[in-house]
Amino acid sequence: MNKMLKDKYSVMKDLSKSGGDKDIEEIKAKVKSMLTNLRFNDGRSLHEVLEGMEMQKRLEQEQEKLKALQEKERQAR
């Protein structure tokens, strides 16, 4: 059932029906360009927002590692 739903709503399937799959690389390039140029109301680009989110995630992971190391050091004393 899941496969049937996936097939029914598949973009690639729709493109192949209409013959648009021949130009898939051009479509991918245009979508990428649109996403790259997407801006929020405050002027930030999608790329900037995603980079910020990724940096925040890495910072949180590093802080967790530091806390774990500090806890191990306390227990070793």
C-alpha atoms as a PDB file:
ATOM      1  CA  MET A   1       0.000   0.000   0.000  1.00  0.00           C
ATOM      2  CA  ASN A   2       2.862   2.342   0.864  1.00  0.00           C
ATOM      3  CA  LYS A   3       4.501   1.617  -2.508  1.00  0.00           C
ATOM      4  CA  MET A   4       1.226   2.341  -4.299  1.00  0.00           C
ATOM      5  CA  LEU A   5       0.943   5.715  -2.548  1.00  0.00           C
ATOM      6  CA  LYS A   6       4.573   6.520  -3.276  1.00  0.00           C
ATOM      7  CA  ASP A   7       4.122   5.607  -6.938  1.00  0.00           C
ATOM      8  CA  LYS A   8       0.895   7.589  -7.178  1.00  0.00           C
ATOM      9  CA  TYR A   9       2.417  10.771  -5.792  1.00  0.00           C
ATOM     10  CA  SER A  10       5.884  10.406  -7.286  1.00  0.00           C
ATOM     11  CA  VAL A  11       7.169  13.491  -9.090  1.00  0.00           C
ATOM     12  CA  MET A  12       9.398  11.314 -11.269  1.00  0.00           C
ATOM     13  CA  LYS A  13       6.388   9.227 -12.327  1.00  0.00           C
ATOM     14  CA  ASP A  14       4.459  12.376 -13.245  1.00  0.00           C
ATOM     15  CA  LEU A  15       7.409  13.694 -15.221  1.00  0.00           C
ATOM     16  CA  SER A  16       7.850  10.435 -17.101  1.00  0.00           C
ATOM     17  CA  LYS A  17       4.136  10.411 -18.036  1.00  0.00           C
ATOM     18  CA  SER A  18       4.385  13.918 -19.459  1.00  0.00           C
ATOM     19  CA  GLY A  19       7.761  13.386 -21.091  1.00  0.00           C
ATOM     20  CA  GLY A  20       9.378  15.912 -18.751  1.00  0.00           C
ATOM     21  CA  ASP A  21      11.889  13.427 -17.380  1.00  0.00           C
ATOM     22  CA  LYS A  22      14.084  14.099 -20.416  1.00  0.00           C
ATOM     23  CA  ASP A  23      14.863  17.522 -18.999  1.00  0.00           C
ATOM     24  CA  ILE A  24      15.326  16.407 -15.388  1.00  0.00           C
ATOM     25  CA  GLU A  25      18.811  17.924 -15.049  1.00  0.00           C
ATOM     26  CA  GLU A  26      17.512  21.303 -16.161  1.00  0.00           C
ATOM     27  CA  ILE A  27      14.585  20.999 -13.747  1.00  0.00           C
ATOM     28  CA  LYS A  28      16.955  20.101 -10.898  1.00  0.00           C
ATOM     29  CA  ALA A  29      19.149  23.094 -11.722  1.00  0.00           C
ATOM     30  CA  LYS A  30      16.162  25.470 -11.750  1.00  0.00           C
ATOM     31  CA  VAL A  31      14.817  24.141  -8.447  1.00  0.00           C
ATOM     32  CA  LYS A  32      18.267  24.430  -6.870  1.00  0.00           C
ATOM     33  CA  SER A  33      18.547  27.985  -8.155  1.00  0.00           C
ATOM     34  CA  MET A  34      15.118  28.846  -6.755  1.00  0.00           C
ATOM     35  CA  LEU A  35      16.015  27.406  -3.354  1.00  0.00           C
ATOM     36  CA  THR A  36      19.366  29.169  -3.342  1.00  0.00           C
ATOM     37  CA  ASN A  37      17.695  32.512  -4.054  1.00  0.00           C
ATOM     38  CA  LEU A  38      14.850  31.998  -1.585  1.00  0.00           C
ATOM     39  CA  ARG A  39      14.818  34.738   1.043  1.00  0.00           C
ATOM     40  CA  PHE A  40      12.863  35.140   4.251  1.00  0.00           C
ATOM     41  CA  ASN A  41      11.087  38.370   5.257  1.00  0.00           C
ATOM     42  CA  ASP A  42      14.115  39.468   7.272  1.00  0.00           C
ATOM     43  CA  GLY A  43      16.412  39.162   4.223  1.00  0.00           C
ATOM     44  CA  ARG A  44      18.214  35.967   5.203  1.00  0.00           C
ATOM     45  CA  SER A  45      18.632  33.351   2.496  1.00  0.00           C
ATOM     46  CA  LEU A  46      17.601  29.730   2.949  1.00  0.00           C
ATOM     47  CA  HIS A  47      21.274  28.757   2.751  1.00  0.00           C
ATOM     48  CA  GLU A  48      22.161  31.120   5.605  1.00  0.00           C
ATOM     49  CA  VAL A  49      19.342  29.793   7.777  1.00  0.00           C
ATOM     50  CA  LEU A  50      20.304  26.167   7.146  1.00  0.00           C
ATOM     51  CA  GLU A  51      23.969  26.927   7.876  1.00  0.00           C
ATOM     52  CA  GLY A  52      22.983  28.593  11.139  1.00  0.00           C
ATOM     53  CA  MET A  53      20.862  25.626  12.154  1.00  0.00           C
ATOM     54  CA  GLU A  54      23.687  23.218  11.343  1.00  0.00           C
ATOM     55  CA  MET A  55      26.190  25.295  13.331  1.00  0.00           C
ATOM     56  CA  GLN A  56      23.812  25.396  16.305  1.00  0.00           C
ATOM     57  CA  LYS A  57      23.401  21.628  16.141  1.00  0.00           C
ATOM     58  CA  ARG A  58      27.193  21.117  16.042  1.00  0.00           C
ATOM     59  CA  LEU A  59      27.641  23.516  18.953  1.00  0.00           C
ATOM     60  CA  GLU A  60      25.130  21.579  21.049  1.00  0.00           C
ATOM     61  CA  GLN A  61      26.869  18.293  20.212  1.00  0.00           C
ATOM     62  CA  GLU A  62      30.256  19.706  21.189  1.00  0.00           C
ATOM     63  CA  GLN A  63      28.837  21.056  24.447  1.00  0.00           C
ATOM     64  CA  GLU A  64      27.415  17.620  25.253  1.00  0.00           C
ATOM     65  CA  LYS A  65      30.818  16.032  24.559  1.00  0.00           C
ATOM     66  CA  LEU A  66      32.520  18.593  26.798  1.00  0.00           C
ATOM     67  CA  LYS A  67      30.049  17.934  29.612  1.00  0.00           C
ATOM     68  CA  ALA A  68      30.617  14.188  29.280  1.00  0.00           C
ATOM     69  CA  LEU A  69      34.413  14.658  29.414  1.00  0.00           C
ATOM     70  CA  GLN A  70      34.122  16.932  32.436  1.00  0.00           C
ATOM     71  CA  GLU A  71      31.912  14.385  34.187  1.00  0.00           C
ATOM     72  CA  LYS A  72      34.401  11.592  33.462  1.00  0.00           C
ATOM     73  CA  GLU A  73      37.205  13.774  34.827  1.00  0.00           C
ATOM     74  CA  ARG A  74      35.237  14.453  38.029  1.00  0.00           C
ATOM     75  CA  GLN A  75      34.551  10.747  38.490  1.00  0.00           C
ATOM     76  CA  ALA A  76      38.234   9.900  37.979  1.00  0.00           C
ATOM     77  CA  ARG A  77      39.260  12.150  40.872  1.00  0.00           C
END
